[in-house]
Amino acid sequence: MTEPLAGLFKARQREAPGPGPYARSLRLCGEYLAAQEPGATGPQVRLTRAVGAFAASLDGPAADPFDALLQVGERALEVGGEHGLGLALGLAESAAGIRRRSKGAWRLRGLALDGLGRDAEALECYERYAALLPDGRPAPEVARRTDTLRRRRECLEAAVALFPGEGAELRELLGEPTATTAVLAPRFDAWVRARVAGHGPGDPAVRRLLALYGSYRRLDRRDRVPDPLLGGTTPVDVGGLRALVAGRTVCVVANAGDVSGSALGAGIDGYDLVVRCDSFRLRAEGTGGRTDLHAVTLRGDTPWDGPAWTQRAGVRLVFGDPVAGWRRAVRERIVPGAQDHVGDGSLRRPLSDPALLGEDGWGAAPTTAFTVLRLLDFLDASPRLDLVGFTPAGRLRPREAEWVGRHATHVDDSKMRIALR
């Protein structure tokens, strides 16, 4: 998919006027796509589609190229790595040049710089983004990263101040706005070891230094939790979830355009418990307006780096393995007050957990919809369990669709409904 688009971009670059506001962004996208190897992954496919939408918006009178440009940057963040983050940064710089007061441009720039380890520059962009907001309150993930970067900086400055005559090199490095964490962290490690060796571990200043060093290293690996109690969120285990759904009619709703464009909303909201999965958008007339249970599956090597789960839900279930990544993702992406209950570790892998279903053969990445559906079916506590929006083929994996077909008691294509009870 990237090769035809790369060719398109070469042609479009010849057509685009050099000083045009989007010419640089167009060139960056073209260069990025041309350098990609075959075999695109999910995030890479989404990025390529966003680039295509951006290219189309440049000729579309009704489309806003600026919004499309920011969407490409967001998809580049998801791809990650040096090249993905570099593309996101380049596009953010172009966007900020086009609209100096764009909140989205400064947020994107901060996230890209943060991912590249350029802490001082990222913090400056985060602060600029917050200053542009009417209430000065940034999105939860930005607020969390801003706090972390500030605290890491404070640890380094306090450490250097403990030995004013011995920290010239480290102090100079701290003064460089483009210094990266990859450069700074090992220098700090070596500097701390030298102070311990020179002054001894019993020295009061060394003891304070070691405490600051420990705080810095913890913040280097994970953000501080602003509210350890998650705004009163109550953890639930398998028994607790069963009690919450017992006797209630349940529907699992697909994140699909035909559902959003339908008139099924009132019927969906008529269920006692509405389940939605992963990232979703609401349009009350089609999708209904409630989310009683939100299920999400962690994907990728660093699932804790995804956006915070800010949409309101009664229960939030997070599926993922291994347990260390699951814990970190829950710790960093759950937003205090955005849910009443959150599933605990006993619910993180229901399909493969021998204490629950213990089933093999669903593959390494079962869909979230099937995982939560299979769990609710296994709990056997609901008198009615329906799927809405899953009648078209391709929304479940083939083996998942076969299981649903075998267990369905009724299928209503006109309402896109499959009943399992």
Protein backbone atom coordinates (compact mmCIF):
# COMPACT_ATOMS: atom_id res chain seq x y z
CA MET A 1 0.00 0.00 0.00
CA THR A 2 2.87 2.40 0.73
CA GLU A 3 4.55 2.09 -2.71
CA PRO A 4 1.63 3.52 -4.76
CA LEU A 5 1.20 6.31 -2.22
CA ALA A 6 4.89 7.09 -2.33
CA GLY A 7 4.59 7.52 -6.12
CA LEU A 8 1.53 9.68 -5.67
CA PHE A 9 3.40 11.90 -3.28
CA LYS A 10 6.29 12.39 -5.70
CA ALA A 11 3.78 13.59 -8.28
CA ARG A 12 1.96 15.79 -5.78
CA GLN A 13 5.26 17.28 -4.57
CA ARG A 14 5.98 18.42 -8.14
CA GLU A 15 2.54 20.03 -8.28
CA ALA A 16 2.69 21.63 -4.81
CA PRO A 17 4.07 25.18 -4.77
CA GLY A 18 7.32 25.42 -2.82
CA PRO A 19 6.25 28.11 -0.34
CA GLY A 20 2.79 26.62 0.19
CA PRO A 21 1.90 26.10 3.87
CA TYR A 22 1.48 22.34 3.47
CA ALA A 23 4.32 21.68 1.02
CA ARG A 24 6.84 20.73 3.73
CA SER A 25 4.37 18.35 5.39
CA LEU A 26 3.63 16.75 2.03
CA ARG A 27 7.36 16.22 1.43
CA LEU A 28 7.89 14.70 4.91
CA CYS A 29 5.04 12.24 4.39
CA GLY A 30 6.33 11.27 0.97
CA GLU A 31 9.87 10.69 2.22
CA TYR A 32 8.59 8.62 5.13
CA LEU A 33 6.41 6.38 2.95
CA ALA A 34 9.13 5.92 0.35
CA ALA A 35 11.50 4.62 3.04
CA GLN A 36 9.11 1.98 4.43
CA GLU A 37 9.73 -1.73 3.99
CA PRO A 38 6.95 -4.10 2.79
CA GLY A 39 4.77 -5.80 5.40
CA ALA A 40 3.04 -2.94 7.18
CA THR A 41 1.66 -3.49 10.70
CA GLY A 42 -1.67 -2.22 12.04
CA PRO A 43 -0.36 1.18 13.22
CA GLN A 44 1.58 1.60 9.96
CA VAL A 45 -1.56 0.85 7.91
CA ARG A 46 -3.52 3.45 9.91
CA LEU A 47 -0.74 5.97 9.33
CA THR A 48 -0.72 5.28 5.59
CA ARG A 49 -4.50 5.76 5.44
CA ALA A 50 -4.21 9.04 7.34
CA VAL A 51 -1.55 10.23 4.89
CA GLY A 52 -3.90 9.37 2.03
CA ALA A 53 -6.71 11.36 3.68
CA PHE A 54 -4.35 14.31 4.14
CA ALA A 55 -3.36 14.18 0.46
CA ALA A 56 -7.02 14.10 -0.59
CA SER A 57 -7.89 17.02 1.71
CA LEU A 58 -5.49 19.31 -0.13
CA ASP A 59 -7.83 19.24 -3.15
CA GLY A 60 -11.11 18.83 -1.28
CA PRO A 61 -13.01 22.11 -0.82
CA ALA A 62 -14.98 20.74 2.14
CA ALA A 63 -12.03 19.10 3.94
CA ASP A 64 -9.71 20.90 6.34
CA PRO A 65 -6.09 19.99 5.53
CA PHE A 66 -4.97 21.21 8.94
CA ASP A 67 -7.09 18.68 10.83
CA ALA A 68 -5.98 15.96 8.41
CA LEU A 69 -2.36 16.97 9.01
CA LEU A 70 -2.76 16.61 12.79
CA GLN A 71 -4.36 13.19 12.27
CA VAL A 72 -1.29 12.03 10.36
CA GLY A 73 0.83 13.21 13.29
CA GLU A 74 -1.30 11.27 15.76
CA ARG A 75 -0.98 8.09 13.69
CA ALA A 76 2.79 8.64 13.46
CA LEU A 77 2.91 8.77 17.26
CA GLU A 78 1.18 5.38 17.36
CA VAL A 79 3.80 3.91 15.04
CA GLY A 80 6.53 5.21 17.36
CA GLY A 81 10.21 4.52 16.97
CA GLU A 82 12.74 7.04 15.78
CA HIS A 83 11.19 7.40 12.32
CA GLY A 84 7.55 7.54 13.42
CA LEU A 85 8.28 10.07 16.16
CA GLY A 86 10.50 12.04 13.82
CA LEU A 87 7.67 12.30 11.30
CA ALA A 88 5.25 13.35 14.06
CA LEU A 89 7.67 16.06 15.20
CA GLY A 90 8.21 17.37 11.68
CA LEU A 91 4.46 17.55 11.07
CA ALA A 92 3.88 19.22 14.45
CA GLU A 93 6.46 21.87 13.61
CA SER A 94 4.76 22.49 10.26
CA ALA A 95 1.36 22.69 11.97
CA ALA A 96 2.65 25.15 14.57
CA GLY A 97 4.07 27.25 11.75
CA ILE A 98 0.70 27.31 10.01
CA ARG A 99 -1.31 28.09 13.16
CA ARG A 100 0.85 29.38 15.98
CA ARG A 101 -1.98 29.15 18.53
CA SER A 102 -3.13 25.63 17.64
CA LYS A 103 -3.52 23.57 20.82
CA GLY A 104 -3.34 20.35 18.81
CA ALA A 105 -0.05 21.34 17.18
CA TRP A 106 1.68 22.12 20.48
CA ARG A 107 0.33 18.97 22.11
CA LEU A 108 1.53 16.85 19.19
CA ARG A 109 4.93 18.52 19.25
CA GLY A 110 5.28 17.90 22.99
CA LEU A 111 4.33 14.23 22.71
CA ALA A 112 6.78 13.68 19.84
CA LEU A 113 9.65 15.41 21.68
CA ASP A 114 8.77 13.47 24.83
CA GLY A 115 8.94 10.19 22.94
CA LEU A 116 12.33 11.17 21.53
CA GLY A 117 13.63 11.85 25.05
CA ARG A 118 14.01 15.61 24.56
CA ASP A 119 12.55 16.41 27.96
CA ALA A 120 13.22 20.14 28.25
CA GLU A 121 11.72 20.91 24.84
CA ALA A 122 8.76 18.60 25.49
CA LEU A 123 8.02 20.32 28.79
CA GLU A 124 8.09 23.72 27.10
CA CYS A 125 5.60 22.52 24.46
CA TYR A 126 3.30 20.97 27.08
CA GLU A 127 3.26 24.25 28.98
CA ARG A 128 2.52 26.18 25.80
CA TYR A 129 -0.35 23.78 25.04
CA ALA A 130 -1.80 24.22 28.54
CA ALA A 131 -1.56 28.01 28.29
CA LEU A 132 -3.72 27.95 25.15
CA LEU A 133 -6.54 26.03 26.87
CA PRO A 134 -9.43 28.16 28.19
CA ASP A 135 -9.21 26.59 31.66
CA GLY A 136 -5.48 25.80 31.55
CA ARG A 137 -6.18 22.13 32.31
CA PRO A 138 -4.52 19.78 29.80
CA ALA A 139 -5.61 16.27 28.86
CA PRO A 140 -4.82 13.69 31.58
CA GLU A 141 -1.91 12.04 29.74
CA VAL A 142 -0.30 15.45 29.08
CA ALA A 143 -0.83 16.56 32.68
CA ARG A 144 0.77 13.33 33.88
CA ARG A 145 3.78 13.67 31.60
CA THR A 146 4.22 17.36 32.48
CA ASP A 147 4.31 16.48 36.16
CA THR A 148 6.79 13.65 35.54
CA LEU A 149 9.16 15.79 33.47
CA ARG A 150 9.12 18.57 36.05
CA ARG A 151 9.85 16.18 38.89
CA ARG A 152 12.69 14.51 37.00
CA ARG A 153 14.20 17.92 36.32
CA GLU A 154 13.84 18.86 39.99
CA CYS A 155 15.63 15.64 41.03
CA LEU A 156 18.58 16.41 38.76
CA GLU A 157 18.86 20.03 39.84
CA ALA A 158 18.64 19.13 43.53
CA ALA A 159 21.30 16.44 43.07
CA VAL A 160 23.74 18.84 41.41
CA ALA A 161 23.11 21.44 44.14
CA LEU A 162 24.29 18.96 46.81
CA PHE A 163 27.85 19.13 45.39
CA PRO A 164 28.16 22.64 43.91
CA GLY A 165 31.86 22.31 43.18
CA GLU A 166 31.62 18.94 41.45
CA GLY A 167 28.67 19.22 39.10
CA ALA A 168 29.86 21.61 36.39
CA GLU A 169 29.66 19.05 33.56
CA LEU A 170 26.22 17.79 34.57
CA ARG A 171 24.96 21.33 35.16
CA GLU A 172 26.13 22.33 31.70
CA LEU A 173 24.33 19.33 30.19
CA LEU A 174 21.14 20.28 32.03
CA GLY A 175 21.38 23.72 30.44
CA GLU A 176 21.25 22.29 26.92
CA PRO A 177 17.58 22.28 25.80
CA THR A 178 18.21 19.56 23.21
CA ALA A 179 19.91 17.14 25.63
CA THR A 180 18.12 13.78 25.45
CA THR A 181 17.35 11.31 28.21
CA ALA A 182 19.51 8.76 26.39
CA VAL A 183 22.51 11.06 26.91
CA LEU A 184 21.61 12.53 30.28
CA ALA A 185 20.63 9.37 32.20
CA PRO A 186 23.96 7.48 31.83
CA ARG A 187 25.89 10.67 32.64
CA PHE A 188 23.83 11.05 35.80
CA ASP A 189 24.43 7.39 36.68
CA ALA A 190 28.19 7.83 36.35
CA TRP A 191 28.14 11.10 38.30
CA VAL A 192 26.25 9.49 41.20
CA ARG A 193 28.70 6.55 41.30
CA ALA A 194 31.61 8.96 41.41
CA ARG A 195 30.12 10.92 44.34
CA VAL A 196 29.50 7.70 46.28
CA ALA A 197 33.04 6.52 45.63
CA GLY A 198 34.55 9.89 46.54
CA HIS A 199 32.54 10.74 49.66
CA GLY A 200 31.39 7.36 50.94
CA PRO A 201 27.83 6.08 51.41
CA GLY A 202 27.70 7.39 54.99
CA ASP A 203 28.00 11.03 53.97
CA PRO A 204 24.66 12.86 54.57
CA ALA A 205 24.84 14.53 51.17
CA VAL A 206 25.45 11.17 49.50
CA ARG A 207 22.46 9.63 51.28
CA ARG A 208 20.28 12.50 50.05
CA LEU A 209 21.78 12.08 46.57
CA LEU A 210 20.89 8.38 46.52
CA ALA A 211 17.32 9.17 47.51
CA LEU A 212 17.05 11.69 44.65
CA TYR A 213 18.64 9.20 42.28
CA GLY A 214 16.08 6.55 43.24
CA SER A 215 13.22 8.98 42.62
CA TYR A 216 14.68 9.96 39.25
CA ARG A 217 15.05 6.36 38.11
CA ARG A 218 11.50 5.49 39.16
CA LEU A 219 10.15 8.49 37.26
CA ASP A 220 12.31 7.51 34.30
CA ARG A 221 10.45 4.20 34.08
CA ARG A 222 6.90 5.25 34.95
CA ASP A 223 4.86 8.33 35.76
CA ARG A 224 3.75 9.26 39.23
CA VAL A 225 0.14 8.33 39.96
CA PRO A 226 -1.72 11.58 40.75
CA ASP A 227 -4.50 9.74 42.56
CA PRO A 228 -3.52 6.24 43.79
CA LEU A 229 -7.17 5.54 44.70
CA LEU A 230 -8.30 6.44 41.15
CA GLY A 231 -11.03 8.78 42.31
CA GLY A 232 -12.81 6.13 44.36
CA THR A 233 -12.80 3.48 41.62
CA THR A 234 -13.57 0.05 43.10
CA PRO A 235 -11.66 -3.01 41.83
CA VAL A 236 -13.86 -5.98 40.92
CA ASP A 237 -12.88 -9.64 40.54
CA VAL A 238 -14.71 -12.41 38.69
CA GLY A 239 -17.34 -12.78 41.40
CA GLY A 240 -17.83 -9.02 41.62
CA LEU A 241 -18.36 -8.72 37.86
CA ARG A 242 -20.86 -11.58 37.90
CA ALA A 243 -22.82 -9.81 40.63
CA LEU A 244 -22.82 -6.57 38.61
CA VAL A 245 -24.30 -8.23 35.49
CA ALA A 246 -26.58 -10.76 37.20
CA GLY A 247 -30.19 -10.53 36.00
CA ARG A 248 -29.46 -7.72 33.55
CA THR A 249 -29.96 -7.69 29.78
CA VAL A 250 -26.67 -7.08 27.97
CA CYS A 251 -25.64 -6.01 24.48
CA VAL A 252 -22.13 -5.75 23.01
CA VAL A 253 -22.07 -2.95 20.41
CA ALA A 254 -19.72 -2.89 17.40
CA ASN A 255 -17.62 0.20 16.63
CA ALA A 256 -18.88 0.44 13.06
CA GLY A 257 -20.08 3.17 10.76
CA ASP A 258 -23.29 1.38 9.86
CA VAL A 259 -24.24 1.24 13.55
CA SER A 260 -23.45 4.93 14.01
CA GLY A 261 -25.47 5.81 10.93
CA SER A 262 -28.46 3.69 11.93
CA ALA A 263 -31.51 4.42 14.05
CA LEU A 264 -30.71 1.68 16.62
CA GLY A 265 -29.75 4.02 19.46
CA ALA A 266 -33.00 3.84 21.42
CA GLY A 267 -33.02 0.05 21.24
CA ILE A 268 -29.40 -0.15 22.41
CA ASP A 269 -30.07 2.15 25.35
CA GLY A 270 -33.03 -0.09 26.23
CA TYR A 271 -30.67 -2.81 27.46
CA ASP A 272 -29.77 -2.82 31.14
CA LEU A 273 -26.04 -2.98 30.38
CA VAL A 274 -24.39 -1.63 27.21
CA VAL A 275 -20.88 -2.89 26.42
CA ARG A 276 -18.45 -1.04 24.13
CA CYS A 277 -14.93 -1.98 23.12
CA ASP A 278 -11.58 -0.27 22.59
CA SER A 279 -11.80 3.19 21.00
CA PHE A 280 -15.37 4.21 20.17
CA ARG A 281 -17.47 7.22 19.28
CA LEU A 282 -21.05 7.88 20.28
CA ARG A 283 -23.90 9.16 18.16
CA ALA A 284 -26.99 8.78 20.30
CA GLU A 285 -29.39 8.15 17.40
CA GLY A 286 -27.31 5.24 16.10
CA THR A 287 -25.05 3.93 18.85
CA GLY A 288 -27.02 4.92 21.91
CA GLY A 289 -25.55 7.22 24.53
CA ARG A 290 -24.62 4.95 27.45
CA THR A 291 -21.50 2.95 28.19
CA ASP A 292 -22.05 0.69 31.18
CA LEU A 293 -19.04 -1.55 30.53
CA HIS A 294 -15.98 -0.59 28.51
CA ALA A 295 -13.60 -3.40 27.52
CA VAL A 296 -10.19 -2.71 26.03
CA THR A 297 -7.33 -4.97 24.94
CA LEU A 298 -3.71 -3.86 25.34
CA ARG A 299 -1.71 -4.10 22.11
CA GLY A 300 1.93 -3.55 21.21
CA ASP A 301 5.19 -3.68 23.16
CA THR A 302 4.45 -0.57 25.26
CA PRO A 303 0.68 -0.55 25.86
CA TRP A 304 1.03 1.93 28.73
CA ASP A 305 1.95 4.65 26.21
CA GLY A 306 -1.54 4.83 24.69
CA PRO A 307 -4.08 7.57 25.37
CA ALA A 308 -5.87 7.69 28.70
CA TRP A 309 -9.33 6.11 28.95
CA THR A 310 -11.32 9.27 29.59
CA GLN A 311 -14.79 8.27 28.40
CA ARG A 312 -17.20 7.61 31.22
CA ALA A 313 -18.05 3.96 31.95
CA GLY A 314 -19.61 2.10 34.84
CA VAL A 315 -17.11 -0.78 34.61
CA ARG A 316 -13.79 -0.81 32.77
CA LEU A 317 -12.18 -4.15 31.89
CA VAL A 318 -8.59 -4.14 30.66
CA PHE A 319 -7.38 -7.32 28.94
CA GLY A 320 -3.67 -7.91 28.54
CA ASP A 321 -0.57 -9.98 29.20
CA PRO A 322 2.08 -10.07 30.65
CA VAL A 323 1.01 -8.92 34.08
CA ALA A 324 3.75 -6.27 34.46
CA GLY A 325 2.62 -4.47 31.30
CA TRP A 326 -1.02 -4.81 32.32
CA ARG A 327 -0.35 -3.28 35.74
CA ARG A 328 1.57 -0.38 34.28
CA ALA A 329 -1.07 0.32 31.64
CA VAL A 330 -3.87 0.31 34.24
CA ARG A 331 -1.79 2.52 36.48
CA GLU A 332 -1.03 5.07 33.78
CA ARG A 333 -4.12 5.07 31.54
CA ILE A 334 -7.00 4.77 34.00
CA VAL A 335 -8.38 8.25 34.73
CA PRO A 336 -9.66 8.93 38.28
CA GLY A 337 -13.42 9.37 38.27
CA ALA A 338 -13.93 8.08 34.71
CA GLN A 339 -15.30 4.72 35.93
CA ASP A 340 -16.95 3.29 39.04
CA HIS A 341 -15.28 -0.12 38.84
CA VAL A 342 -12.17 -1.54 37.19
CA GLY A 343 -11.47 -5.22 36.62
CA ASP A 344 -8.61 -6.63 38.70
CA GLY A 345 -5.87 -9.04 37.64
CA SER A 346 -8.22 -12.04 37.77
CA LEU A 347 -10.04 -10.66 34.70
CA ARG A 348 -7.07 -9.60 32.56
CA ARG A 349 -6.92 -12.75 30.34
CA PRO A 350 -10.21 -14.63 30.63
CA LEU A 351 -9.86 -16.77 27.49
CA SER A 352 -6.52 -18.37 28.41
CA ASP A 353 -6.65 -18.24 32.21
CA PRO A 354 -7.13 -21.80 33.55
CA ALA A 355 -9.07 -20.32 36.46
CA LEU A 356 -11.68 -19.03 33.98
CA LEU A 357 -12.18 -20.44 30.49
CA GLY A 358 -8.70 -21.84 29.94
CA GLU A 359 -9.29 -22.20 26.19
CA ASP A 360 -6.56 -22.47 23.57
CA GLY A 361 -6.79 -21.82 19.86
CA TRP A 362 -8.12 -18.27 19.78
CA GLY A 363 -4.80 -16.93 18.52
CA ALA A 364 -2.42 -14.38 19.96
CA ALA A 365 -4.76 -11.43 19.41
CA PRO A 366 -8.46 -12.26 19.84
CA THR A 367 -10.81 -9.34 19.31
CA THR A 368 -11.88 -7.42 22.38
CA ALA A 369 -15.55 -7.89 21.47
CA PHE A 370 -15.22 -11.67 21.42
CA THR A 371 -13.16 -11.72 24.63
CA VAL A 372 -15.76 -9.79 26.61
CA LEU A 373 -18.64 -11.67 24.95
CA ARG A 374 -17.12 -15.04 25.78
CA LEU A 375 -16.49 -13.91 29.36
CA LEU A 376 -20.07 -12.74 29.83
CA ASP A 377 -21.39 -15.95 28.29
CA PHE A 378 -19.19 -17.99 30.63
CA LEU A 379 -20.46 -16.09 33.69
CA ASP A 380 -23.99 -17.14 32.64
CA ALA A 381 -25.63 -14.44 34.75
CA SER A 382 -27.61 -12.49 32.11
CA PRO A 383 -31.02 -13.55 30.82
CA ARG A 384 -30.31 -11.84 27.48
CA LEU A 385 -26.93 -11.46 25.78
CA ASP A 386 -26.89 -9.87 22.31
CA LEU A 387 -24.37 -8.65 19.77
CA VAL A 388 -25.33 -5.48 17.85
CA GLY A 389 -23.54 -4.56 14.64
CA PHE A 390 -21.68 -7.85 14.15
CA THR A 391 -23.89 -9.41 11.46
CA PRO A 392 -21.63 -8.21 8.56
CA ALA A 393 -18.68 -10.53 7.98
CA GLY A 394 -15.19 -9.54 9.06
CA ARG A 395 -15.88 -7.90 12.40
CA LEU A 396 -14.88 -11.02 14.29
CA ARG A 397 -12.05 -13.39 13.45
CA PRO A 398 -13.21 -16.46 11.46
CA ARG A 399 -13.06 -18.87 14.39
CA GLU A 400 -14.78 -16.34 16.65
CA ALA A 401 -17.56 -15.89 14.08
CA GLU A 402 -17.96 -19.68 13.86
CA TRP A 403 -18.39 -19.89 17.64
CA VAL A 404 -21.00 -17.11 17.59
CA GLY A 405 -22.84 -18.83 14.72
CA ARG A 406 -23.01 -22.12 16.64
CA HIS A 407 -24.30 -20.48 19.81
CA ALA A 408 -26.69 -17.93 18.28
CA THR A 409 -30.36 -18.48 19.10
CA HIS A 410 -31.65 -15.80 16.73
CA VAL A 411 -30.25 -13.46 14.05
CA ASP A 412 -32.08 -10.28 12.98
CA ASP A 413 -30.27 -8.70 10.03
CA SER A 414 -32.62 -5.72 9.93
CA LYS A 415 -31.48 -4.71 13.41
CA MET A 416 -27.94 -6.10 13.03
CA ARG A 417 -28.62 -8.20 16.14
CA ILE A 418 -27.38 -11.66 17.10
CA ALA A 419 -28.94 -13.17 20.21
CA LEU A 420 -27.07 -15.72 22.34
CA ARG A 421 -29.87 -16.27 24.84
